[in-house]
Every structure is written in structure tokens, then in C-alpha cells.
Amino acid sequence: MSDDQSGGGPFGPGGMPDLGGLLKAAQRLQGDVARMQEELVDLRAEASAGGGMVSAVVNGHYDVVSLRIEKDVVDPTDIVMLQDLVAAAVNQANAKMRDLAKEHMAKAMGGLNLPGLPGMF
């Protein structure tokens, strides 16, 4: 008798899906994902712009937790440049955090690759 018909795999007796087992696995996965999402707040990603003149650090919830601006880059006659550098540093830090969050959540998913989920994390 194969696993599919013995109840040892994802199928119960008679080749029917083991819905109870699938539900337990889904609940376990949901708990793992929730725990990982809580842990994301402790992750940090840093990026800089303008040759390091502006640096931003974001956490796993994409909150800016630190912003450093070297005084040499502050020019009252060119505020637009400073705004661009801040935006670039924050955007790059967020991009790094997206990659870190994907890696972190992939651990919770156990390598499970469901369509549409990567963009959620």
C-alpha cells in the first residue's frame, strides 16, 4: 500500500486528502509566520547616499530609526540636493530591508513558495 492510501502522507484512507493534517500544518505555518513578523522589528538595514554623506537605518517594519546627515552636505542654497540624498538613502535602506524580510520569512515558510506571497513581506 502506498503512502497516499495508508494515511502516512497528505492523503487519508481511500486516497482522500487529510484535511485535519492540512489544517494543523496551516495553523503551525500561520503561527510561525506571525512570530517571524514580530521578530522583523528587531532587524535593521542601513544604506547611504552621496558617498556616505547621508545614511538611513530602517527596521523590519520599515520605520526610519536613524538618519545621519553630514554637515558638509547641508547647503541652504541647494535644499533639493539634500532632499534627494535623504530620499535615496531611505529608499535604499527599505530595499535592503525587503530582501532581509524575504529571507527571514522564507525561514518561517520552510521553503514553501506560494504565488503572491513574496510581495507581502
PDB file of N, CA and C in Angstrom:
ATOM      1  N   MET A   1       0.846  -1.176   0.000  1.00  0.00           N
ATOM      2  CA  MET A   1       0.000   0.000   0.000  1.00  0.00           C
ATOM      3  C   MET A   1       0.888   1.234   0.000  1.00  0.00           C
ATOM      4  N   SER A   2       0.607   2.213  -0.853  1.00  0.00           N
ATOM      5  CA  SER A   2       1.426   3.415  -0.927  1.00  0.00           C
ATOM      6  C   SER A   2       1.060   4.370   0.204  1.00  0.00           C
ATOM      7  N   ASP A   3       1.959   5.362   0.445  1.00  0.00           N
ATOM      8  CA  ASP A   3       1.701   6.364   1.485  1.00  0.00           C
ATOM      9  C   ASP A   3       0.399   7.113   1.231  1.00  0.00           C
ATOM     10  N   ASP A   4       0.088   7.322  -0.053  1.00  0.00           N
ATOM     11  CA  ASP A   4      -1.099   8.088  -0.386  1.00  0.00           C
ATOM     12  C   ASP A   4      -2.372   7.412   0.117  1.00  0.00           C
ATOM     13  N   GLN A   5      -2.342   6.105   0.253  1.00  0.00           N
ATOM     14  CA  GLN A   5      -3.539   5.397   0.658  1.00  0.00           C
ATOM     15  C   GLN A   5      -3.450   4.866   2.083  1.00  0.00           C
ATOM     16  N   SER A   6      -2.289   4.979   2.727  1.00  0.00           N
ATOM     17  CA  SER A   6      -2.123   4.424   4.053  1.00  0.00           C
ATOM     18  C   SER A   6      -2.361   5.459   5.139  1.00  0.00           C
ATOM     19  N   GLY A   7      -2.532   6.724   4.760  1.00  0.00           N
ATOM     20  CA  GLY A   7      -2.717   7.767   5.757  1.00  0.00           C
ATOM     21  C   GLY A   7      -1.399   8.370   6.204  1.00  0.00           C
ATOM     22  N   GLY A   8      -0.263   7.879   5.695  1.00  0.00           N
ATOM     23  CA  GLY A   8       1.028   8.385   6.117  1.00  0.00           C
ATOM     24  C   GLY A   8       1.444   9.642   5.398  1.00  0.00           C
ATOM     25  N   GLY A   9       0.800   9.990   4.315  1.00  0.00           N
ATOM     26  CA  GLY A   9       1.145  11.189   3.561  1.00  0.00           C
ATOM     27  C   GLY A   9       0.048  12.217   3.690  1.00  0.00           C
ATOM     28  N   PRO A  10      -0.076  13.065   2.685  1.00  0.00           N
ATOM     29  CA  PRO A  10      -1.097  14.110   2.743  1.00  0.00           C
ATOM     30  C   PRO A  10      -2.501  13.580   2.489  1.00  0.00           C
ATOM     31  N   PHE A  11      -2.597  12.296   2.214  1.00  0.00           N
ATOM     32  CA  PHE A  11      -3.884  11.704   1.923  1.00  0.00           C
ATOM     33  C   PHE A  11      -4.270  10.724   3.015  1.00  0.00           C
ATOM     34  N   GLY A  12      -5.542  10.707   3.337  1.00  0.00           N
ATOM     35  CA  GLY A  12      -6.056   9.786   4.338  1.00  0.00           C
ATOM     36  C   GLY A  12      -6.479   8.493   3.679  1.00  0.00           C
ATOM     37  N   PRO A  13      -7.194   7.664   4.424  1.00  0.00           N
ATOM     38  CA  PRO A  13      -7.671   6.385   3.885  1.00  0.00           C
ATOM     39  C   PRO A  13      -8.528   6.611   2.640  1.00  0.00           C
ATOM     40  N   GLY A  14      -8.375   5.751   1.681  1.00  0.00           N
ATOM     41  CA  GLY A  14      -9.161   5.843   0.456  1.00  0.00           C
ATOM     42  C   GLY A  14      -8.659   6.899  -0.508  1.00  0.00           C
ATOM     43  N   GLY A  15      -7.477   7.465  -0.254  1.00  0.00           N
ATOM     44  CA  GLY A  15      -6.914   8.451  -1.162  1.00  0.00           C
ATOM     45  C   GLY A  15      -7.507   9.844  -1.019  1.00  0.00           C
ATOM     46  N   MET A  16      -8.318  10.057   0.009  1.00  0.00           N
ATOM     47  CA  MET A  16      -8.916  11.374   0.245  1.00  0.00           C
ATOM     48  C   MET A  16      -7.905  12.264   0.972  1.00  0.00           C
ATOM     49  N   PRO A  17      -7.916  13.559   0.700  1.00  0.00           N
ATOM     50  CA  PRO A  17      -6.984  14.456   1.394  1.00  0.00           C
ATOM     51  C   PRO A  17      -7.212  14.419   2.907  1.00  0.00           C
ATOM     52  N   ASP A  18      -6.122  14.469   3.670  1.00  0.00           N
ATOM     53  CA  ASP A  18      -6.184  14.514   5.127  1.00  0.00           C
ATOM     54  C   ASP A  18      -6.375  15.970   5.532  1.00  0.00           C
ATOM     55  N   LEU A  19      -7.619  16.414   5.567  1.00  0.00           N
ATOM     56  CA  LEU A  19      -7.920  17.818   5.836  1.00  0.00           C
ATOM     57  C   LEU A  19      -7.509  18.232   7.245  1.00  0.00           C
ATOM     58  N   GLY A  20      -7.633  17.337   8.195  1.00  0.00           N
ATOM     59  CA  GLY A  20      -7.213  17.644   9.562  1.00  0.00           C
ATOM     60  C   GLY A  20      -5.723  17.912   9.620  1.00  0.00           C
ATOM     61  N   GLY A  21      -4.952  17.073   8.943  1.00  0.00           N
ATOM     62  CA  GLY A  21      -3.498  17.262   8.903  1.00  0.00           C
ATOM     63  C   GLY A  21      -3.114  18.542   8.185  1.00  0.00           C
ATOM     64  N   LEU A  22      -3.815  18.813   7.086  1.00  0.00           N
ATOM     65  CA  LEU A  22      -3.545  20.048   6.352  1.00  0.00           C
ATOM     66  C   LEU A  22      -3.882  21.276   7.195  1.00  0.00           C
ATOM     67  N   LEU A  23      -4.985  21.209   7.943  1.00  0.00           N
ATOM     68  CA  LEU A  23      -5.372  22.328   8.798  1.00  0.00           C
ATOM     69  C   LEU A  23      -4.345  22.552   9.897  1.00  0.00           C
ATOM     70  N   LYS A  24      -3.864  21.476  10.516  1.00  0.00           N
ATOM     71  CA  LYS A  24      -2.841  21.601  11.558  1.00  0.00           C
ATOM     72  C   LYS A  24      -1.562  22.200  10.989  1.00  0.00           C
ATOM     73  N   ALA A  25      -1.174  21.755   9.795  1.00  0.00           N
ATOM     74  CA  ALA A  25       0.035  22.290   9.168  1.00  0.00           C
ATOM     75  C   ALA A  25      -0.143  23.773   8.847  1.00  0.00           C
ATOM     76  N   ALA A  26      -1.316  24.159   8.369  1.00  0.00           N
ATOM     77  CA  ALA A  26      -1.583  25.560   8.048  1.00  0.00           C
ATOM     78  C   ALA A  26      -1.561  26.419   9.307  1.00  0.00           C
ATOM     79  N   GLN A  27      -2.114  25.906  10.401  1.00  0.00           N
ATOM     80  CA  GLN A  27      -2.107  26.653  11.656  1.00  0.00           C
ATOM     81  C   GLN A  27      -0.690  26.813  12.188  1.00  0.00           C
ATOM     82  N   ARG A  28       0.113  25.760  12.069  1.00  0.00           N
ATOM     83  CA  ARG A  28       1.509  25.824  12.511  1.00  0.00           C
ATOM     84  C   ARG A  28       2.268  26.852  11.678  1.00  0.00           C
ATOM     85  N   LEU A  29       2.045  26.823  10.378  1.00  0.00           N
ATOM     86  CA  LEU A  29       2.692  27.779   9.481  1.00  0.00           C
ATOM     87  C   LEU A  29       2.250  29.201   9.804  1.00  0.00           C
ATOM     88  N   GLN A  30       0.970  29.394  10.067  1.00  0.00           N
ATOM     89  CA  GLN A  30       0.452  30.717  10.407  1.00  0.00           C
ATOM     90  C   GLN A  30       1.114  31.230  11.685  1.00  0.00           C
ATOM     91  N   GLY A  31       1.281  30.381  12.665  1.00  0.00           N
ATOM     92  CA  GLY A  31       1.947  30.767  13.907  1.00  0.00           C
ATOM     93  C   GLY A  31       3.399  31.125  13.677  1.00  0.00           C
ATOM     94  N   ASP A  32       4.076  30.330  12.847  1.00  0.00           N
ATOM     95  CA  ASP A  32       5.484  30.617  12.533  1.00  0.00           C
ATOM     96  C   ASP A  32       5.626  31.954  11.821  1.00  0.00           C
ATOM     97  N   VAL A  33       4.745  32.221  10.873  1.00  0.00           N
ATOM     98  CA  VAL A  33       4.802  33.478  10.127  1.00  0.00           C
ATOM     99  C   VAL A  33       4.521  34.655  11.061  1.00  0.00           C
ATOM    100  N   ALA A  34       3.536  34.527  11.939  1.00  0.00           N
ATOM    101  CA  ALA A  34       3.224  35.607  12.882  1.00  0.00           C
ATOM    102  C   ALA A  34       4.418  35.886  13.793  1.00  0.00           C
ATOM    103  N   ARG A  35       5.073  34.834  14.266  1.00  0.00           N
ATOM    104  CA  ARG A  35       6.246  35.003  15.126  1.00  0.00           C
ATOM    105  C   ARG A  35       7.368  35.698  14.366  1.00  0.00           C
ATOM    106  N   MET A  36       7.598  35.291  13.131  1.00  0.00           N
ATOM    107  CA  MET A  36       8.651  35.908  12.327  1.00  0.00           C
ATOM    108  C   MET A  36       8.341  37.375  12.052  1.00  0.00           C
ATOM    109  N   GLN A  37       7.076  37.700  11.813  1.00  0.00           N
ATOM    110  CA  GLN A  37       6.722  39.094  11.570  1.00  0.00           C
ATOM    111  C   GLN A  37       6.998  39.942  12.811  1.00  0.00           C
ATOM    112  N   GLU A  38       6.760  39.394  13.996  1.00  0.00           N
ATOM    113  CA  GLU A  38       7.071  40.119  15.227  1.00  0.00           C
ATOM    114  C   GLU A  38       8.572  40.322  15.367  1.00  0.00           C
ATOM    115  N   GLU A  39       9.349  39.340  14.931  1.00  0.00           N
ATOM    116  CA  GLU A  39      10.799  39.432  15.032  1.00  0.00           C
ATOM    117  C   GLU A  39      11.394  40.434  14.039  1.00  0.00           C
ATOM    118  N   LEU A  40      10.646  40.750  12.992  1.00  0.00           N
ATOM    119  CA  LEU A  40      11.149  41.668  11.967  1.00  0.00           C
ATOM    120  C   LEU A  40      11.493  43.035  12.540  1.00  0.00           C
ATOM    121  N   VAL A  41      10.774  43.470  13.561  1.00  0.00           N
ATOM    122  CA  VAL A  41      11.025  44.798  14.117  1.00  0.00           C
ATOM    123  C   VAL A  41      12.455  44.916  14.644  1.00  0.00           C
ATOM    124  N   ASP A  42      13.070  43.800  14.997  1.00  0.00           N
ATOM    125  CA  ASP A  42      14.436  43.826  15.513  1.00  0.00           C
ATOM    126  C   ASP A  42      15.491  43.858  14.419  1.00  0.00           C
ATOM    127  N   LEU A  43      15.098  43.585  13.179  1.00  0.00           N
ATOM    128  CA  LEU A  43      16.049  43.643  12.071  1.00  0.00           C
ATOM    129  C   LEU A  43      16.354  45.098  11.730  1.00  0.00           C
ATOM    130  N   ARG A  44      17.549  45.332  11.237  1.00  0.00           N
ATOM    131  CA  ARG A  44      17.955  46.670  10.812  1.00  0.00           C
ATOM    132  C   ARG A  44      18.623  46.579   9.448  1.00  0.00           C
ATOM    133  N   ALA A  45      18.371  47.571   8.617  1.00  0.00           N
ATOM    134  CA  ALA A  45      19.054  47.686   7.330  1.00  0.00           C
ATOM    135  C   ALA A  45      19.518  49.127   7.185  1.00  0.00           C
ATOM    136  N   GLU A  46      20.750  49.283   6.750  1.00  0.00           N
ATOM    137  CA  GLU A  46      21.323  50.618   6.606  1.00  0.00           C
ATOM    138  C   GLU A  46      21.770  50.825   5.166  1.00  0.00           C
ATOM    139  N   ALA A  47      21.598  52.050   4.702  1.00  0.00           N
ATOM    140  CA  ALA A  47      22.078  52.426   3.373  1.00  0.00           C
ATOM    141  C   ALA A  47      22.476  53.893   3.419  1.00  0.00           C
ATOM    142  N   SER A  48      23.311  54.259   2.461  1.00  0.00           N
ATOM    143  CA  SER A  48      23.758  55.651   2.411  1.00  0.00           C
ATOM    144  C   SER A  48      23.688  56.174   0.986  1.00  0.00           C
ATOM    145  N   ALA A  49      23.775  57.483   0.881  1.00  0.00           N
ATOM    146  CA  ALA A  49      23.767  58.155  -0.423  1.00  0.00           C
ATOM    147  C   ALA A  49      24.771  59.305  -0.358  1.00  0.00           C
ATOM    148  N   GLY A  50      25.152  59.761  -1.524  1.00  0.00           N
ATOM    149  CA  GLY A  50      26.090  60.884  -1.589  1.00  0.00           C
ATOM    150  C   GLY A  50      27.448  60.537  -1.030  1.00  0.00           C
ATOM    151  N   GLY A  51      27.909  59.328  -1.318  1.00  0.00           N
ATOM    152  CA  GLY A  51      29.224  58.910  -0.835  1.00  0.00           C
ATOM    153  C   GLY A  51      29.290  58.806   0.675  1.00  0.00           C
ATOM    154  N   GLY A  52      28.156  58.452   1.290  1.00  0.00           N
ATOM    155  CA  GLY A  52      28.120  58.295   2.739  1.00  0.00           C
ATOM    156  C   GLY A  52      27.767  59.565   3.486  1.00  0.00           C
ATOM    157  N   MET A  53      27.443  60.612   2.757  1.00  0.00           N
ATOM    158  CA  MET A  53      27.109  61.882   3.414  1.00  0.00           C
ATOM    159  C   MET A  53      25.753  61.830   4.122  1.00  0.00           C
ATOM    160  N   VAL A  54      24.869  60.962   3.629  1.00  0.00           N
ATOM    161  CA  VAL A  54      23.553  60.761   4.251  1.00  0.00           C
ATOM    162  C   VAL A  54      23.359  59.265   4.428  1.00  0.00           C
ATOM    163  N   SER A  55      23.029  58.849   5.660  1.00  0.00           N
ATOM    164  CA  SER A  55      22.782  57.434   5.954  1.00  0.00           C
ATOM    165  C   SER A  55      21.436  57.278   6.639  1.00  0.00           C
ATOM    166  N   ALA A  56      20.745  56.213   6.284  1.00  0.00           N
ATOM    167  CA  ALA A  56      19.449  55.919   6.897  1.00  0.00           C
ATOM    168  C   ALA A  56      19.454  54.475   7.377  1.00  0.00           C
ATOM    169  N   VAL A  57      18.806  54.250   8.524  1.00  0.00           N
ATOM    170  CA  VAL A  57      18.618  52.914   9.070  1.00  0.00           C
ATOM    171  C   VAL A  57      17.119  52.713   9.256  1.00  0.00           C
ATOM    172  N   VAL A  58      16.608  51.592   8.743  1.00  0.00           N
ATOM    173  CA  VAL A  58      15.198  51.253   8.920  1.00  0.00           C
ATOM    174  C   VAL A  58      15.102  49.919   9.643  1.00  0.00           C
ATOM    175  N   ASN A  59      13.968  49.727  10.344  1.00  0.00           N
ATOM    176  CA  ASN A  59      13.732  48.436  10.996  1.00  0.00           C
ATOM    177  C   ASN A  59      12.845  47.571  10.107  1.00  0.00           C
ATOM    178  N   GLY A  60      12.502  46.410  10.595  1.00  0.00           N
ATOM    179  CA  GLY A  60      11.719  45.455   9.809  1.00  0.00           C
ATOM    180  C   GLY A  60      10.291  45.870   9.552  1.00  0.00           C
ATOM    181  N   HIS A  61       9.840  46.928  10.194  1.00  0.00           N
ATOM    182  CA  HIS A  61       8.516  47.471   9.905  1.00  0.00           C
ATOM    183  C   HIS A  61       8.624  48.692   9.000  1.00  0.00           C
ATOM    184  N   TYR A  62       9.811  48.893   8.442  1.00  0.00           N
ATOM    185  CA  TYR A  62      10.105  49.985   7.503  1.00  0.00           C
ATOM    186  C   TYR A  62       9.995  51.358   8.152  1.00  0.00           C
ATOM    187  N   ASP A  63      10.193  51.411   9.466  1.00  0.00           N
ATOM    188  CA  ASP A  63      10.262  52.694  10.158  1.00  0.00           C
ATOM    189  C   ASP A  63      11.708  53.174  10.102  1.00  0.00           C
ATOM    190  N   VAL A  64      11.905  54.452   9.831  1.00  0.00           N
ATOM    191  CA  VAL A  64      13.251  55.019   9.871  1.00  0.00           C
ATOM    192  C   VAL A  64      13.618  55.166  11.347  1.00  0.00           C
ATOM    193  N   VAL A  65      14.665  54.461  11.776  1.00  0.00           N
ATOM    194  CA  VAL A  65      15.074  54.521  13.180  1.00  0.00           C
ATOM    195  C   VAL A  65      16.298  55.409  13.376  1.00  0.00           C
ATOM    196  N   SER A  66      16.963  55.739  12.274  1.00  0.00           N
ATOM    197  CA  SER A  66      18.130  56.609  12.370  1.00  0.00           C
ATOM    198  C   SER A  66      18.367  57.277  11.022  1.00  0.00           C
ATOM    199  N   LEU A  67      18.733  58.536  11.085  1.00  0.00           N
ATOM    200  CA  LEU A  67      19.078  59.291   9.882  1.00  0.00           C
ATOM    201  C   LEU A  67      20.266  60.170  10.245  1.00  0.00           C
ATOM    202  N   ARG A  68      21.362  60.005   9.506  1.00  0.00           N
ATOM    203  CA  ARG A  68      22.577  60.771   9.773  1.00  0.00           C
ATOM    204  C   ARG A  68      22.899  61.611   8.538  1.00  0.00           C
ATOM    205  N   ILE A  69      23.102  62.904   8.766  1.00  0.00           N
ATOM    206  CA  ILE A  69      23.434  63.823   7.680  1.00  0.00           C
ATOM    207  C   ILE A  69      24.710  64.562   8.076  1.00  0.00           C
ATOM    208  N   GLU A  70      25.732  64.409   7.253  1.00  0.00           N
ATOM    209  CA  GLU A  70      26.987  65.129   7.498  1.00  0.00           C
ATOM    210  C   GLU A  70      26.752  66.619   7.239  1.00  0.00           C
ATOM    211  N   LYS A  71      27.309  67.449   8.100  1.00  0.00           N
ATOM    212  CA  LYS A  71      27.050  68.891   7.967  1.00  0.00           C
ATOM    213  C   LYS A  71      27.615  69.467   6.670  1.00  0.00           C
ATOM    214  N   ASP A  72      28.621  68.823   6.095  1.00  0.00           N
ATOM    215  CA  ASP A  72      29.214  69.310   4.849  1.00  0.00           C
ATOM    216  C   ASP A  72      28.235  69.259   3.679  1.00  0.00           C
ATOM    217  N   VAL A  73      27.214  68.400   3.762  1.00  0.00           N
ATOM    218  CA  VAL A  73      26.274  68.260   2.663  1.00  0.00           C
ATOM    219  C   VAL A  73      25.095  69.236   2.791  1.00  0.00           C
ATOM    220  N   VAL A  74      25.004  69.917   3.931  1.00  0.00           N
ATOM    221  CA  VAL A  74      23.907  70.864   4.146  1.00  0.00           C
ATOM    222  C   VAL A  74      24.282  72.201   3.509  1.00  0.00           C
ATOM    223  N   ASP A  75      23.586  72.516   2.439  1.00  0.00           N
ATOM    224  CA  ASP A  75      23.800  73.784   1.726  1.00  0.00           C
ATOM    225  C   ASP A  75      22.448  74.483   1.630  1.00  0.00           C
ATOM    226  N   PRO A  76      22.263  75.563   2.361  1.00  0.00           N
ATOM    227  CA  PRO A  76      20.963  76.256   2.352  1.00  0.00           C
ATOM    228  C   PRO A  76      20.515  76.704   0.962  1.00  0.00           C
ATOM    229  N   THR A  77      21.450  76.810   0.033  1.00  0.00           N
ATOM    230  CA  THR A  77      21.072  77.235  -1.313  1.00  0.00           C
ATOM    231  C   THR A  77      20.712  76.052  -2.209  1.00  0.00           C
ATOM    232  N   ASP A  78      20.890  74.820  -1.693  1.00  0.00           N
ATOM    233  CA  ASP A  78      20.599  73.631  -2.502  1.00  0.00           C
ATOM    234  C   ASP A  78      19.880  72.576  -1.653  1.00  0.00           C
ATOM    235  N   ILE A  79      18.714  72.926  -1.149  1.00  0.00           N
ATOM    236  CA  ILE A  79      17.914  72.032  -0.327  1.00  0.00           C
ATOM    237  C   ILE A  79      17.453  70.807  -1.129  1.00  0.00           C
ATOM    238  N   VAL A  80      17.202  71.002  -2.409  1.00  0.00           N
ATOM    239  CA  VAL A  80      16.727  69.904  -3.250  1.00  0.00           C
ATOM    240  C   VAL A  80      17.732  68.746  -3.265  1.00  0.00           C
ATOM    241  N   MET A  81      19.021  69.056  -3.320  1.00  0.00           N
ATOM    242  CA  MET A  81      20.038  68.002  -3.312  1.00  0.00           C
ATOM    243  C   MET A  81      19.961  67.207  -2.005  1.00  0.00           C
ATOM    244  N   LEU A  82      19.830  67.888  -0.893  1.00  0.00           N
ATOM    245  CA  LEU A  82      19.741  67.211   0.400  1.00  0.00           C
ATOM    246  C   LEU A  82      18.487  66.345   0.464  1.00  0.00           C
ATOM    247  N   GLN A  83      17.390  66.864  -0.025  1.00  0.00           N
ATOM    248  CA  GLN A  83      16.150  66.080  -0.055  1.00  0.00           C
ATOM    249  C   GLN A  83      16.323  64.821  -0.896  1.00  0.00           C
ATOM    250  N   ASP A  84      16.976  64.954  -2.041  1.00  0.00           N
ATOM    251  CA  ASP A  84      17.224  63.807  -2.911  1.00  0.00           C
ATOM    252  C   ASP A  84      18.113  62.768  -2.231  1.00  0.00           C
ATOM    253  N   LEU A  85      19.144  63.230  -1.517  1.00  0.00           N
ATOM    254  CA  LEU A  85      20.043  62.304  -0.831  1.00  0.00           C
ATOM    255  C   LEU A  85      19.329  61.564   0.296  1.00  0.00           C
ATOM    256  N   VAL A  86      18.492  62.268   1.051  1.00  0.00           N
ATOM    257  CA  VAL A  86      17.732  61.621   2.124  1.00  0.00           C
ATOM    258  C   VAL A  86      16.783  60.580   1.538  1.00  0.00           C
ATOM    259  N   ALA A  87      16.069  60.960   0.492  1.00  0.00           N
ATOM    260  CA  ALA A  87      15.135  60.026  -0.141  1.00  0.00           C
ATOM    261  C   ALA A  87      15.874  58.795  -0.677  1.00  0.00           C
ATOM    262  N   ALA A  88      17.016  59.013  -1.305  1.00  0.00           N
ATOM    263  CA  ALA A  88      17.785  57.891  -1.859  1.00  0.00           C
ATOM    264  C   ALA A  88      18.269  56.956  -0.756  1.00  0.00           C
ATOM    265  N   ALA A  89      18.767  57.516   0.340  1.00  0.00           N
ATOM    266  CA  ALA A  89      19.258  56.678   1.439  1.00  0.00           C
ATOM    267  C   ALA A  89      18.118  55.864   2.051  1.00  0.00           C
ATOM    268  N   VAL A  90      16.976  56.498   2.274  1.00  0.00           N
ATOM    269  CA  VAL A  90      15.827  55.791   2.856  1.00  0.00           C
ATOM    270  C   VAL A  90      15.312  54.723   1.897  1.00  0.00           C
ATOM    271  N   ASN A  91      15.206  55.050   0.617  1.00  0.00           N
ATOM    272  CA  ASN A  91      14.727  54.070  -0.367  1.00  0.00           C
ATOM    273  C   ASN A  91      15.659  52.867  -0.463  1.00  0.00           C
ATOM    274  N   GLN A  92      16.967  53.112  -0.436  1.00  0.00           N
ATOM    275  CA  GLN A  92      17.927  52.010  -0.494  1.00  0.00           C
ATOM    276  C   GLN A  92      17.861  51.154   0.774  1.00  0.00           C
ATOM    277  N   ALA A  93      17.689  51.783   1.928  1.00  0.00           N
ATOM    278  CA  ALA A  93      17.559  51.025   3.178  1.00  0.00           C
ATOM    279  C   ALA A  93      16.290  50.184   3.151  1.00  0.00           C
ATOM    280  N   ASN A  94      15.203  50.728   2.632  1.00  0.00           N
ATOM    281  CA  ASN A  94      13.961  49.964   2.516  1.00  0.00           C
ATOM    282  C   ASN A  94      14.122  48.782   1.558  1.00  0.00           C
ATOM    283  N   ALA A  95      14.837  48.979   0.462  1.00  0.00           N
ATOM    284  CA  ALA A  95      15.076  47.884  -0.485  1.00  0.00           C
ATOM    285  C   ALA A  95      15.881  46.765   0.184  1.00  0.00           C
ATOM    286  N   LYS A  96      16.899  47.149   0.952  1.00  0.00           N
ATOM    287  CA  LYS A  96      17.683  46.146   1.678  1.00  0.00           C
ATOM    288  C   LYS A  96      16.802  45.414   2.684  1.00  0.00           C
ATOM    289  N   MET A  97      15.914  46.150   3.357  1.00  0.00           N
ATOM    290  CA  MET A  97      15.041  45.527   4.347  1.00  0.00           C
ATOM    291  C   MET A  97      14.068  44.563   3.681  1.00  0.00           C
ATOM    292  N   ARG A  98      13.574  44.905   2.494  1.00  0.00           N
ATOM    293  CA  ARG A  98      12.686  43.974   1.785  1.00  0.00           C
ATOM    294  C   ARG A  98      13.398  42.655   1.545  1.00  0.00           C
ATOM    295  N   ASP A  99      14.665  42.723   1.138  1.00  0.00           N
ATOM    296  CA  ASP A  99      15.437  41.498   0.902  1.00  0.00           C
ATOM    297  C   ASP A  99      15.654  40.730   2.197  1.00  0.00           C
ATOM    298  N   LEU A 100      16.000  41.442   3.265  1.00  0.00           N
ATOM    299  CA  LEU A 100      16.191  40.787   4.563  1.00  0.00           C
ATOM    300  C   LEU A 100      14.896  40.152   5.055  1.00  0.00           C
ATOM    301  N   ALA A 101      13.789  40.861   4.904  1.00  0.00           N
ATOM    302  CA  ALA A 101      12.495  40.349   5.354  1.00  0.00           C
ATOM    303  C   ALA A 101      12.102  39.110   4.556  1.00  0.00           C
ATOM    304  N   LYS A 102      12.356  39.116   3.257  1.00  0.00           N
ATOM    305  CA  LYS A 102      12.056  37.932   2.441  1.00  0.00           C
ATOM    306  C   LYS A 102      12.848  36.728   2.928  1.00  0.00           C
ATOM    307  N   GLU A 103      14.136  36.936   3.200  1.00  0.00           N
ATOM    308  CA  GLU A 103      14.972  35.848   3.700  1.00  0.00           C
ATOM    309  C   GLU A 103      14.457  35.360   5.051  1.00  0.00           C
ATOM    310  N   HIS A 104      14.119  36.285   5.925  1.00  0.00           N
ATOM    311  CA  HIS A 104      13.640  35.949   7.265  1.00  0.00           C
ATOM    312  C   HIS A 104      12.318  35.181   7.178  1.00  0.00           C
ATOM    313  N   MET A 105      11.408  35.639   6.326  1.00  0.00           N
ATOM    314  CA  MET A 105      10.104  34.982   6.200  1.00  0.00           C
ATOM    315  C   MET A 105      10.229  33.648   5.481  1.00  0.00           C
ATOM    316  N   ALA A 106      11.202  33.514   4.594  1.00  0.00           N
ATOM    317  CA  ALA A 106      11.402  32.231   3.911  1.00  0.00           C
ATOM    318  C   ALA A 106      11.739  31.141   4.914  1.00  0.00           C
ATOM    319  N   LYS A 107      12.439  31.515   5.979  1.00  0.00           N
ATOM    320  CA  LYS A 107      12.734  30.546   7.033  1.00  0.00           C
ATOM    321  C   LYS A 107      11.445  30.054   7.678  1.00  0.00           C
ATOM    322  N   ALA A 108      10.515  30.959   7.914  1.00  0.00           N
ATOM    323  CA  ALA A 108       9.235  30.584   8.529  1.00  0.00           C
ATOM    324  C   ALA A 108       8.414  29.729   7.581  1.00  0.00           C
ATOM    325  N   MET A 109       8.529  30.013   6.305  1.00  0.00           N
ATOM    326  CA  MET A 109       7.742  29.280   5.319  1.00  0.00           C
ATOM    327  C   MET A 109       8.350  27.918   5.015  1.00  0.00           C
ATOM    328  N   GLY A 110       9.552  27.669   5.510  1.00  0.00           N
ATOM    329  CA  GLY A 110      10.188  26.378   5.292  1.00  0.00           C
ATOM    330  C   GLY A 110      10.434  26.081   3.826  1.00  0.00           C
ATOM    331  N   GLY A 111      10.710  27.120   3.042  1.00  0.00           N
ATOM    332  CA  GLY A 111      10.968  26.918   1.620  1.00  0.00           C
ATOM    333  C   GLY A 111       9.704  26.846   0.787  1.00  0.00           C
ATOM    334  N   LEU A 112       8.531  26.955   1.434  1.00  0.00           N
ATOM    335  CA  LEU A 112       7.270  26.923   0.710  1.00  0.00           C
ATOM    336  C   LEU A 112       7.165  28.184  -0.120  1.00  0.00           C
ATOM    337  N   ASN A 113       6.957  28.042  -1.408  1.00  0.00           N
ATOM    338  CA  ASN A 113       6.882  29.187  -2.301  1.00  0.00           C
ATOM    339  C   ASN A 113       5.480  29.275  -2.864  1.00  0.00           C
ATOM    340  N   LEU A 114       4.653  30.116  -2.268  1.00  0.00           N
ATOM    341  CA  LEU A 114       3.281  30.280  -2.727  1.00  0.00           C
ATOM    342  C   LEU A 114       3.193  31.527  -3.601  1.00  0.00           C
ATOM    343  N   PRO A 115       2.521  31.428  -4.739  1.00  0.00           N
ATOM    344  CA  PRO A 115       2.389  32.591  -5.618  1.00  0.00           C
ATOM    345  C   PRO A 115       1.737  33.743  -4.886  1.00  0.00           C
ATOM    346  N   GLY A 116       2.275  34.937  -5.074  1.00  0.00           N
ATOM    347  CA  GLY A 116       1.683  36.129  -4.489  1.00  0.00           C
ATOM    348  C   GLY A 116       2.192  36.459  -3.103  1.00  0.00           C
ATOM    349  N   LEU A 117       2.800  35.521  -2.393  1.00  0.00           N
ATOM    350  CA  LEU A 117       3.262  35.788  -1.041  1.00  0.00           C
ATOM    351  C   LEU A 117       4.552  36.580  -0.966  1.00  0.00           C
ATOM    352  N   PRO A 118       5.498  36.423  -1.893  1.00  0.00           N
ATOM    353  CA  PRO A 118       6.739  37.163  -1.741  1.00  0.00           C
ATOM    354  C   PRO A 118       6.553  38.666  -1.609  1.00  0.00           C
ATOM    355  N   GLY A 119       5.624  39.236  -2.325  1.00  0.00           N
ATOM    356  CA  GLY A 119       5.398  40.664  -2.249  1.00  0.00           C
ATOM    357  C   GLY A 119       4.741  41.118  -0.965  1.00  0.00           C
ATOM    358  N   MET A 120       4.220  40.180  -0.186  1.00  0.00           N
ATOM    359  CA  MET A 120       3.545  40.534   1.047  1.00  0.00           C
ATOM    360  C   MET A 120       4.517  40.837   2.170  1.00  0.00           C
ATOM    361  N   PHE A 121       5.755  40.382   2.064  1.00  0.00           N
ATOM    362  CA  PHE A 121       6.697  40.512   3.184  1.00  0.00           C
ATOM    363  C   PHE A 121       7.762  41.520   2.883  1.00  0.00           C
TER     364      PHE A 121
END
